[in-house]
C-alpha atoms as a PDB file:
ATOM      1  CA  MET A   1       0.000   0.000   0.000  1.00  0.00           C
ATOM      2  CA  ARG A   2       3.058   2.295   0.138  1.00  0.00           C
ATOM      3  CA  SER A   3       2.545   3.212  -3.530  1.00  0.00           C
ATOM      4  CA  VAL A   4      -0.957   4.487  -2.777  1.00  0.00           C
ATOM      5  CA  ALA A   5       0.345   6.647   0.056  1.00  0.00           C
ATOM      6  CA  THR A   6       3.122   8.063  -2.101  1.00  0.00           C
ATOM      7  CA  LEU A   7       0.739   8.906  -4.918  1.00  0.00           C
ATOM      8  CA  ALA A   8      -1.669  10.617  -2.579  1.00  0.00           C
ATOM      9  CA  LEU A   9       0.762  12.585  -0.448  1.00  0.00           C
ATOM     10  CA  THR A  10       1.046  15.405  -2.973  1.00  0.00           C
ATOM     11  CA  LEU A  11      -2.723  15.268  -3.429  1.00  0.00           C
ATOM     12  CA  VAL A  12      -3.252  15.902   0.272  1.00  0.00           C
ATOM     13  CA  THR A  13      -1.153  19.043   0.124  1.00  0.00           C
ATOM     14  CA  LEU A  14      -2.931  20.265  -2.996  1.00  0.00           C
ATOM     15  CA  ALA A  15      -6.337  19.570  -1.505  1.00  0.00           C
ATOM     16  CA  LEU A  16      -5.549  21.594   1.598  1.00  0.00           C
ATOM     17  CA  SER A  17      -4.140  24.483  -0.419  1.00  0.00           C
ATOM     18  CA  ALA A  18      -7.087  24.505  -2.822  1.00  0.00           C
ATOM     19  CA  CYS A  19      -9.699  24.498  -0.086  1.00  0.00           C
ATOM     20  CA  GLN A  20      -7.918  27.156   1.943  1.00  0.00           C
ATOM     21  CA  GLY A  21      -7.787  29.241  -1.207  1.00  0.00           C
ATOM     22  CA  MET A  22     -11.558  29.062  -1.498  1.00  0.00           C
ATOM     23  CA  MET A  23     -12.048  30.564   1.977  1.00  0.00           C
ATOM     24  CA  PRO A  24     -12.574  34.341   2.198  1.00  0.00           C
ATOM     25  CA  ALA A  25      -9.440  36.407   2.825  1.00  0.00           C
ATOM     26  CA  GLY A  26      -8.769  36.714   6.532  1.00  0.00           C
ATOM     27  CA  SER A  27     -11.255  33.998   7.393  1.00  0.00           C
ATOM     28  CA  THR A  28     -10.436  31.966  10.502  1.00  0.00           C
ATOM     29  CA  GLY A  29     -13.770  30.166  10.775  1.00  0.00           C
ATOM     30  CA  ALA A  30     -14.353  26.644  12.043  1.00  0.00           C
ATOM     31  CA  ALA A  31     -14.185  25.120   8.551  1.00  0.00           C
ATOM     32  CA  GLY A  32     -11.084  22.962   8.389  1.00  0.00           C
ATOM     33  CA  SER A  33     -10.342  23.180  12.107  1.00  0.00           C
ATOM     34  CA  ARG A  34     -11.191  19.515  12.532  1.00  0.00           C
ATOM     35  CA  LEU A  35      -8.749  18.478   9.798  1.00  0.00           C
ATOM     36  CA  SER A  36      -6.039  20.633  11.340  1.00  0.00           C
ATOM     37  CA  ALA A  37      -6.635  18.976  14.706  1.00  0.00           C
ATOM     38  CA  ILE A  38      -6.420  15.515  13.114  1.00  0.00           C
ATOM     39  CA  LEU A  39      -3.126  16.347  11.410  1.00  0.00           C
ATOM     40  CA  ASP A  40      -1.717  17.799  14.630  1.00  0.00           C
ATOM     41  CA  SER A  41      -2.767  14.741  16.644  1.00  0.00           C
ATOM     42  CA  GLY A  42      -0.831  12.292  14.464  1.00  0.00           C
ATOM     43  CA  GLN A  43      -3.745   9.874  14.574  1.00  0.00           C
ATOM     44  CA  LEU A  44      -6.803   9.110  12.466  1.00  0.00           C
ATOM     45  CA  ARG A  45      -9.682   7.723  14.531  1.00  0.00           C
ATOM     46  CA  VAL A  46     -11.782   5.412  12.367  1.00  0.00           C
ATOM     47  CA  GLY A  47     -15.204   4.066  13.280  1.00  0.00           C
ATOM     48  CA  THR A  48     -16.035   0.601  11.940  1.00  0.00           C
ATOM     49  CA  SER A  49     -18.125  -2.431  12.865  1.00  0.00           C
ATOM     50  CA  GLY A  50     -15.449  -5.107  12.475  1.00  0.00           C
ATOM     51  CA  ASP A  51     -18.024  -7.734  11.527  1.00  0.00           C
ATOM     52  CA  LEU A  52     -18.693  -7.360   7.808  1.00  0.00           C
ATOM     53  CA  PRO A  53     -16.215  -9.514   5.873  1.00  0.00           C
ATOM     54  CA  PRO A  54     -14.615  -9.007   3.430  1.00  0.00           C
ATOM     55  CA  LEU A  55     -15.127  -5.261   3.914  1.00  0.00           C
ATOM     56  CA  ASN A  56     -14.016  -5.275   7.546  1.00  0.00           C
ATOM     57  CA  MET A  57     -13.426  -8.045  10.092  1.00  0.00           C
ATOM     58  CA  ARG A  58     -11.223  -9.196  12.950  1.00  0.00           C
ATOM     59  CA  ASP A  59      -8.489 -11.727  12.239  1.00  0.00           C
ATOM     60  CA  PRO A  60      -7.576 -14.492  14.759  1.00  0.00           C
ATOM     61  CA  ARG A  61      -5.346 -12.017  16.598  1.00  0.00           C
ATOM     62  CA  GLY A  62      -8.205  -9.538  16.940  1.00  0.00           C
ATOM     63  CA  GLU A  63      -6.785  -7.072  14.442  1.00  0.00           C
ATOM     64  CA  ILE A  64      -9.057  -5.263  11.984  1.00  0.00           C
ATOM     65  CA  ARG A  65      -8.527  -6.508   8.433  1.00  0.00           C
ATOM     66  CA  GLY A  66     -10.236  -6.283   5.060  1.00  0.00           C
ATOM     67  CA  PHE A  67     -10.827  -4.119   2.029  1.00  0.00           C
ATOM     68  CA  GLU A  68     -11.868  -1.034   3.992  1.00  0.00           C
ATOM     69  CA  PRO A  69      -8.943  -1.160   6.483  1.00  0.00           C
ATOM     70  CA  ASP A  70      -6.502  -1.420   3.562  1.00  0.00           C
ATOM     71  CA  LEU A  71      -8.153   1.656   2.062  1.00  0.00           C
ATOM     72  CA  ILE A  72      -7.936   3.556   5.345  1.00  0.00           C
ATOM     73  CA  GLU A  73      -4.320   2.553   5.974  1.00  0.00           C
ATOM     74  CA  ALA A  74      -3.460   4.031   2.587  1.00  0.00           C
ATOM     75  CA  LEU A  75      -5.300   7.263   3.389  1.00  0.00           C
ATOM     76  CA  ALA A  76      -3.625   7.520   6.787  1.00  0.00           C
ATOM     77  CA  GLY A  77      -0.233   6.876   5.183  1.00  0.00           C
ATOM     78  CA  ALA A  78      -0.838   9.708   2.761  1.00  0.00           C
ATOM     79  CA  MET A  79      -1.651  11.979   5.707  1.00  0.00           C
ATOM     80  CA  ASN A  80       1.353  10.712   7.719  1.00  0.00           C
ATOM     81  CA  LEU A  81      -0.980   9.500  10.471  1.00  0.00           C
ATOM     82  CA  ASP A  82      -1.394   6.348  12.532  1.00  0.00           C
ATOM     83  CA  VAL A  83      -4.802   4.630  12.571  1.00  0.00           C
ATOM     84  CA  GLU A  84      -6.884   3.995  15.680  1.00  0.00           C
ATOM     85  CA  TYR A  85      -9.935   1.796  15.045  1.00  0.00           C
ATOM     86  CA  VAL A  86     -12.994   2.412  17.181  1.00  0.00           C
ATOM     87  CA  VAL A  87     -15.194  -0.676  16.842  1.00  0.00           C
ATOM     88  CA  LYS A  88     -18.903  -0.220  17.540  1.00  0.00           C
ATOM     89  CA  PRO A  89     -22.220  -1.766  16.486  1.00  0.00           C
ATOM     90  CA  PHE A  90     -23.252  -0.366  13.117  1.00  0.00           C
ATOM     91  CA  SER A  91     -26.150   1.630  14.595  1.00  0.00           C
ATOM     92  CA  GLU A  92     -23.759   3.507  16.911  1.00  0.00           C
ATOM     93  CA  LEU A  93     -21.236   4.592  14.288  1.00  0.00           C
ATOM     94  CA  LEU A  94     -22.904   7.747  12.964  1.00  0.00           C
ATOM     95  CA  PRO A  95     -23.688   9.009  16.484  1.00  0.00           C
ATOM     96  CA  ALA A  96     -19.996   8.474  17.315  1.00  0.00           C
ATOM     97  CA  LEU A  97     -19.023  10.564  14.289  1.00  0.00           C
ATOM     98  CA  GLU A  98     -21.519  13.295  15.123  1.00  0.00           C
ATOM     99  CA  GLY A  99     -20.274  13.357  18.710  1.00  0.00           C
ATOM    100  CA  GLY A 100     -16.633  13.743  17.692  1.00  0.00           C
ATOM    101  CA  GLU A 101     -15.599  10.331  19.038  1.00  0.00           C
ATOM    102  CA  VAL A 102     -14.238   9.329  15.608  1.00  0.00           C
ATOM    103  CA  ASP A 103     -12.918  11.303  12.638  1.00  0.00           C
ATOM    104  CA  LEU A 104     -14.616   9.209   9.966  1.00  0.00           C
ATOM    105  CA  VAL A 105     -16.691   6.058   9.544  1.00  0.00           C
ATOM    106  CA  ILE A 106     -16.152   3.289   7.018  1.00  0.00           C
ATOM    107  CA  ALA A 107     -18.305   0.205   7.540  1.00  0.00           C
ATOM    108  CA  GLY A 108     -20.077  -0.860   4.379  1.00  0.00           C
ATOM    109  CA  MET A 109     -22.352   2.160   4.823  1.00  0.00           C
ATOM    110  CA  THR A 110     -24.736   2.929   1.980  1.00  0.00           C
ATOM    111  CA  ILE A 111     -24.992   6.590   1.005  1.00  0.00           C
ATOM    112  CA  THR A 112     -28.670   7.394   1.553  1.00  0.00           C
ATOM    113  CA  PRO A 113     -30.505  10.749   1.613  1.00  0.00           C
ATOM    114  CA  SER A 114     -31.383  10.375   5.302  1.00  0.00           C
ATOM    115  CA  ARG A 115     -27.774   9.662   6.287  1.00  0.00           C
ATOM    116  CA  ASN A 116     -26.461  12.398   4.012  1.00  0.00           C
ATOM    117  CA  ALA A 117     -28.746  14.840   5.805  1.00  0.00           C
ATOM    118  CA  ARG A 118     -26.719  14.148   8.959  1.00  0.00           C
ATOM    119  CA  VAL A 119     -23.132  13.732   7.707  1.00  0.00           C
ATOM    120  CA  ALA A 120     -21.019  14.225   4.591  1.00  0.00           C
ATOM    121  CA  PHE A 121     -19.927  11.319   2.392  1.00  0.00           C
ATOM    122  CA  ALA A 122     -16.838  10.786   0.247  1.00  0.00           C
ATOM    123  CA  GLY A 123     -17.115   8.180  -2.473  1.00  0.00           C
ATOM    124  CA  PRO A 124     -18.536   5.906  -3.478  1.00  0.00           C
ATOM    125  CA  TYR A 125     -15.582   3.544  -3.209  1.00  0.00           C
ATOM    126  CA  PHE A 126     -17.726   0.499  -4.028  1.00  0.00           C
ATOM    127  CA  ILE A 127     -21.181  -0.216  -5.460  1.00  0.00           C
ATOM    128  CA  SER A 128     -23.087  -3.056  -3.845  1.00  0.00           C
ATOM    129  CA  GLY A 129     -26.781  -3.959  -3.633  1.00  0.00           C
ATOM    130  CA  THR A 130     -29.432  -6.372  -2.393  1.00  0.00           C
ATOM    131  CA  SER A 131     -28.916  -9.875  -3.735  1.00  0.00           C
ATOM    132  CA  MET A 132     -29.717 -13.522  -2.988  1.00  0.00           C
ATOM    133  CA  VAL A 133     -27.827 -16.717  -2.299  1.00  0.00           C
ATOM    134  CA  ALA A 134     -29.532 -20.035  -3.025  1.00  0.00           C
ATOM    135  CA  ARG A 135     -28.817 -23.598  -3.992  1.00  0.00           C
ATOM    136  CA  THR A 136     -27.284 -23.779  -7.454  1.00  0.00           C
ATOM    137  CA  GLY A 137     -29.948 -23.792 -10.154  1.00  0.00           C
ATOM    138  CA  THR A 138     -32.604 -21.948  -8.145  1.00  0.00           C
ATOM    139  CA  LEU A 139     -31.554 -18.541  -9.458  1.00  0.00           C
ATOM    140  CA  ALA A 140     -30.214 -19.646 -12.853  1.00  0.00           C
ATOM    141  CA  ASN A 141     -32.917 -18.010 -14.965  1.00  0.00           C
ATOM    142  CA  VAL A 142     -34.031 -15.228 -12.623  1.00  0.00           C
ATOM    143  CA  ARG A 143     -33.943 -11.813 -14.283  1.00  0.00           C
ATOM    144  CA  SER A 144     -35.949  -9.796 -11.734  1.00  0.00           C
ATOM    145  CA  ALA A 145     -37.114 -10.170  -8.151  1.00  0.00           C
ATOM    146  CA  ASP A 146     -40.756 -10.210  -9.292  1.00  0.00           C
ATOM    147  CA  GLU A 147     -40.219 -13.672 -10.763  1.00  0.00           C
ATOM    148  CA  LEU A 148     -39.573 -14.994  -7.243  1.00  0.00           C
ATOM    149  CA  ASP A 149     -42.758 -13.644  -5.672  1.00  0.00           C
ATOM    150  CA  ASP A 150     -44.350 -17.045  -5.219  1.00  0.00           C
ATOM    151  CA  PRO A 151     -46.237 -18.364  -2.140  1.00  0.00           C
ATOM    152  CA  GLU A 152     -44.429 -21.667  -2.654  1.00  0.00           C
ATOM    153  CA  ARG A 153     -41.091 -20.018  -1.878  1.00  0.00           C
ATOM    154  CA  THR A 154     -39.649 -18.939   1.477  1.00  0.00           C
ATOM    155  CA  PHE A 155     -36.847 -16.426   1.959  1.00  0.00           C
ATOM    156  CA  ALA A 156     -34.669 -15.586   4.944  1.00  0.00           C
ATOM    157  CA  ALA A 157     -33.020 -12.304   5.923  1.00  0.00           C
ATOM    158  CA  LEU A 158     -31.493 -10.640   8.940  1.00  0.00           C
ATOM    159  CA  GLU A 159     -34.016  -9.254  11.388  1.00  0.00           C
ATOM    160  CA  GLY A 160     -34.513  -5.492  10.998  1.00  0.00           C
ATOM    161  CA  SER A 161     -32.357  -5.298   7.872  1.00  0.00           C
ATOM    162  CA  THR A 162     -33.017  -3.591   4.553  1.00  0.00           C
ATOM    163  CA  SER A 163     -33.019  -7.106   3.067  1.00  0.00           C
ATOM    164  CA  ALA A 164     -35.944  -8.087   5.311  1.00  0.00           C
ATOM    165  CA  ARG A 165     -37.787  -4.966   4.151  1.00  0.00           C
ATOM    166  CA  PHE A 166     -36.947  -5.886   0.551  1.00  0.00           C
ATOM    167  CA  ILE A 167     -38.692  -9.269   0.974  1.00  0.00           C
ATOM    168  CA  GLU A 168     -41.719  -7.613   2.561  1.00  0.00           C
ATOM    169  CA  GLU A 169     -42.068  -4.975  -0.144  1.00  0.00           C
ATOM    170  CA  VAL A 170     -40.935  -6.775  -3.307  1.00  0.00           C
ATOM    171  CA  LEU A 171     -41.915 -10.372  -2.504  1.00  0.00           C
ATOM    172  CA  PRO A 172     -45.155  -9.945  -0.517  1.00  0.00           C
ATOM    173  CA  ARG A 173     -46.657 -13.283  -1.603  1.00  0.00           C
ATOM    174  CA  ALA A 174     -43.640 -15.345  -0.602  1.00  0.00           C
ATOM    175  CA  GLY A 175     -42.984 -16.764   2.834  1.00  0.00           C
ATOM    176  CA  ARG A 176     -40.318 -15.047   4.905  1.00  0.00           C
ATOM    177  CA  ILE A 177     -38.379 -15.646   8.083  1.00  0.00           C
ATOM    178  CA  THR A 178     -35.823 -13.497   9.866  1.00  0.00           C
ATOM    179  CA  THR A 179     -32.787 -14.577  11.836  1.00  0.00           C
ATOM    180  CA  ALA A 180     -30.623 -12.903  14.457  1.00  0.00           C
ATOM    181  CA  ASP A 181     -27.442 -13.373  12.437  1.00  0.00           C
ATOM    182  CA  TYR A 182     -26.381 -14.106   8.885  1.00  0.00           C
ATOM    183  CA  GLU A 183     -24.748 -17.462   9.691  1.00  0.00           C
ATOM    184  CA  THR A 184     -28.065 -18.814  10.969  1.00  0.00           C
ATOM    185  CA  ALA A 185     -29.837 -17.740   7.786  1.00  0.00           C
ATOM    186  CA  VAL A 186     -27.258 -19.506   5.616  1.00  0.00           C
ATOM    187  CA  ALA A 187     -27.500 -22.626   7.804  1.00  0.00           C
ATOM    188  CA  ARG A 188     -31.280 -22.658   7.247  1.00  0.00           C
ATOM    189  CA  LEU A 189     -30.641 -22.431   3.513  1.00  0.00           C
ATOM    190  CA  ILE A 190     -28.166 -25.320   3.531  1.00  0.00           C
ATOM    191  CA  ALA A 191     -30.593 -27.385   5.608  1.00  0.00           C
ATOM    192  CA  GLY A 192     -33.340 -26.803   3.035  1.00  0.00           C
ATOM    193  CA  ASP A 193     -35.609 -24.786   5.329  1.00  0.00           C
ATOM    194  CA  VAL A 194     -35.673 -21.799   2.970  1.00  0.00           C
ATOM    195  CA  ASP A 195     -35.265 -21.339  -0.768  1.00  0.00           C
ATOM    196  CA  ALA A 196     -32.836 -18.426  -0.568  1.00  0.00           C
ATOM    197  CA  VAL A 197     -31.263 -15.849   1.712  1.00  0.00           C
ATOM    198  CA  VAL A 198     -31.684 -12.190   0.805  1.00  0.00           C
ATOM    199  CA  ALA A 199     -28.669 -10.089   1.802  1.00  0.00           C
ATOM    200  CA  ASP A 200     -26.045  -7.640   0.615  1.00  0.00           C
ATOM    201  CA  HIS A 201     -24.331  -8.863  -2.550  1.00  0.00           C
ATOM    202  CA  LEU A 202     -20.947  -9.261  -0.847  1.00  0.00           C
ATOM    203  CA  ALA A 203     -22.523 -11.225   2.006  1.00  0.00           C
ATOM    204  CA  CYS A 204     -24.065 -13.566  -0.547  1.00  0.00           C
ATOM    205  CA  LYS A 205     -20.706 -14.067  -2.260  1.00  0.00           C
ATOM    206  CA  LEU A 206     -19.129 -14.723   1.131  1.00  0.00           C
ATOM    207  CA  ALA A 207     -21.662 -17.498   1.819  1.00  0.00           C
ATOM    208  CA  VAL A 208     -20.632 -19.200  -1.424  1.00  0.00           C
ATOM    209  CA  TRP A 209     -16.916 -18.844  -0.610  1.00  0.00           C
ATOM    210  CA  ARG A 210     -17.288 -20.128   2.951  1.00  0.00           C
ATOM    211  CA  ASN A 211     -19.378 -23.157   1.992  1.00  0.00           C
ATOM    212  CA  PRO A 212     -17.654 -24.613  -1.076  1.00  0.00           C
ATOM    213  CA  THR A 213     -19.309 -28.029  -0.729  1.00  0.00           C
ATOM    214  CA  ALA A 214     -22.860 -26.746  -0.170  1.00  0.00           C
ATOM    215  CA  ASP A 215     -23.595 -26.155  -3.873  1.00  0.00           C
ATOM    216  CA  LEU A 216     -24.593 -22.513  -3.396  1.00  0.00           C
ATOM    217  CA  SER A 217     -24.655 -19.708  -5.924  1.00  0.00           C
ATOM    218  CA  THR A 218     -25.603 -16.049  -6.024  1.00  0.00           C
ATOM    219  CA  LEU A 219     -26.754 -13.542  -8.615  1.00  0.00           C
ATOM    220  CA  ARG A 220     -24.234 -12.028 -11.010  1.00  0.00           C
ATOM    221  CA  THR A 221     -25.878  -8.631 -10.616  1.00  0.00           C
ATOM    222  CA  PRO A 222     -27.751  -7.526  -7.466  1.00  0.00           C
ATOM    223  CA  PHE A 223     -31.360  -6.394  -7.606  1.00  0.00           C
ATOM    224  CA  THR A 224     -30.586  -2.912  -6.297  1.00  0.00           C
ATOM    225  CA  THR A 225     -27.736  -0.399  -6.518  1.00  0.00           C
ATOM    226  CA  GLU A 226     -26.249   0.778  -3.219  1.00  0.00           C
ATOM    227  CA  PRO A 227     -23.190   3.082  -3.235  1.00  0.00           C
ATOM    228  CA  LEU A 228     -20.878   2.712  -0.226  1.00  0.00           C
ATOM    229  CA  GLY A 229     -19.157   5.809   1.099  1.00  0.00           C
ATOM    230  CA  ILE A 230     -16.881   7.119   3.847  1.00  0.00           C
ATOM    231  CA  ALA A 231     -18.916   9.135   6.353  1.00  0.00           C
ATOM    232  CA  LEU A 232     -17.296  12.403   7.445  1.00  0.00           C
ATOM    233  CA  PRO A 233     -18.205  15.336   9.697  1.00  0.00           C
ATOM    234  CA  ALA A 234     -20.725  17.689   8.149  1.00  0.00           C
ATOM    235  CA  ASP A 235     -18.807  20.792   9.230  1.00  0.00           C
ATOM    236  CA  ASP A 236     -15.402  20.361   7.571  1.00  0.00           C
ATOM    237  CA  PRO A 237     -15.232  20.803   3.771  1.00  0.00           C
ATOM    238  CA  LEU A 238     -11.430  20.542   3.849  1.00  0.00           C
ATOM    239  CA  LEU A 239     -11.504  17.000   5.255  1.00  0.00           C
ATOM    240  CA  LEU A 240     -14.232  15.996   2.818  1.00  0.00           C
ATOM    241  CA  ASN A 241     -12.261  17.440  -0.096  1.00  0.00           C
ATOM    242  CA  LEU A 242      -9.076  15.661   0.953  1.00  0.00           C
ATOM    243  CA  VAL A 243     -10.709  12.237   1.289  1.00  0.00           C
ATOM    244  CA  GLN A 244     -12.674  12.576  -1.946  1.00  0.00           C
ATOM    245  CA  ASN A 245      -9.580  13.588  -3.882  1.00  0.00           C
ATOM    246  CA  PHE A 246      -7.705  10.640  -2.373  1.00  0.00           C
ATOM    247  CA  LEU A 247     -10.423   8.254  -3.583  1.00  0.00           C
ATOM    248  CA  ASN A 248     -10.412   9.873  -7.015  1.00  0.00           C
ATOM    249  CA  THR A 249      -6.646   9.450  -7.235  1.00  0.00           C
ATOM    250  CA  ILE A 250      -6.508   5.752  -6.339  1.00  0.00           C
ATOM    251  CA  GLU A 251      -9.411   5.159  -8.712  1.00  0.00           C
ATOM    252  CA  ASP A 252      -7.554   6.836 -11.585  1.00  0.00           C
ATOM    253  CA  THR A 253      -4.242   5.102 -10.858  1.00  0.00           C
ATOM    254  CA  GLY A 254      -5.809   1.647 -10.666  1.00  0.00           C
ATOM    255  CA  GLU A 255      -4.848   1.112  -7.017  1.00  0.00           C
ATOM    256  CA  LEU A 256      -8.503   0.855  -5.991  1.00  0.00           C
ATOM    257  CA  THR A 257      -9.060  -1.850  -8.611  1.00  0.00           C
ATOM    258  CA  LEU A 258      -6.152  -3.812  -7.142  1.00  0.00           C
ATOM    259  CA  LEU A 259      -7.643  -3.589  -3.663  1.00  0.00           C
ATOM    260  CA  LYS A 260     -10.989  -4.841  -4.958  1.00  0.00           C
ATOM    261  CA  ALA A 261      -9.268  -7.754  -6.692  1.00  0.00           C
ATOM    262  CA  ARG A 262      -7.462  -8.579  -3.444  1.00  0.00           C
ATOM    263  CA  TRP A 263     -10.560  -8.736  -1.244  1.00  0.00           C
ATOM    264  CA  LEU A 264     -13.743  -8.769  -3.326  1.00  0.00           C
ATOM    265  CA  ALA A 265     -13.097 -10.967  -6.363  1.00  0.00           C
ATOM    266  CA  ASP A 266     -12.912 -14.346  -4.609  1.00  0.00           C
ATOM    267  CA  GLY A 267     -12.433 -15.941  -1.218  1.00  0.00           C
ATOM    268  CA  SER A 268      -8.705 -16.689  -1.387  1.00  0.00           C
ATOM    269  CA  TRP A 269      -8.128 -14.293   1.537  1.00  0.00           C
ATOM    270  CA  LEU A 270     -10.051 -16.684   3.830  1.00  0.00           C
ATOM    271  CA  GLU A 271      -6.940 -18.858   4.128  1.00  0.00           C
ATOM    272  CA  GLU A 272      -5.077 -15.951   5.706  1.00  0.00           C
ATOM    273  CA  LEU A 273      -7.585 -15.770   8.563  1.00  0.00           C
ATOM    274  CA  ARG A 274      -7.534 -19.434   9.595  1.00  0.00           C
END
């Protein structure tokens, strides 16, 4: 990841200079004060959930690993900062950002209008969406979710999730169950209790990777489009500009594509976590 940091170091300087140049002459307002404090502290405090592989997860030693941590380590390297991960349940991450407990949040968070009304977002750094995992053959000829709205089918999803709401709204005639965790839903699928599990597209791919002998498959293209972004404080345009320009740079140089290939293309990384 050193190459990403090197490429972005000049970008960080340019981003700061450009944004400061946009401020009125003599202005010493609060805009940018948070970024200055972060740079002075020598540390970037990052909120994450630590439970959403391959985006973010704990390895056997308890360290945070995954696609998003690699992205953040590169950003922190470009800023000459160390990273401190603050791990919290997903629902507590935005309040932690709003309360100043963390400097940014990256946790597979979809950019939605309601969230964007509270915080700023840089990105997207990845496009995901609602998908399904089922026994091979079940989804072979499915072109739209409407084709699955059948009272003879039963679908599982995490309780209180957007996937559970998707089943309720898009598949109202089908049976549905909810589970407390994703592993239980997949176990019900493997046992034949449900026809498919509705979940985020990466979670569906992960189920296939983790259960190579279960004859599972997922959709090539998810039913919905959900852009994932880095949540940032709403009151600091300089920090937002810096992070967005960093993402733009690693996108243009191909470094972001390499990170996606490393973590999101297949499950080869699973061997590293055993």
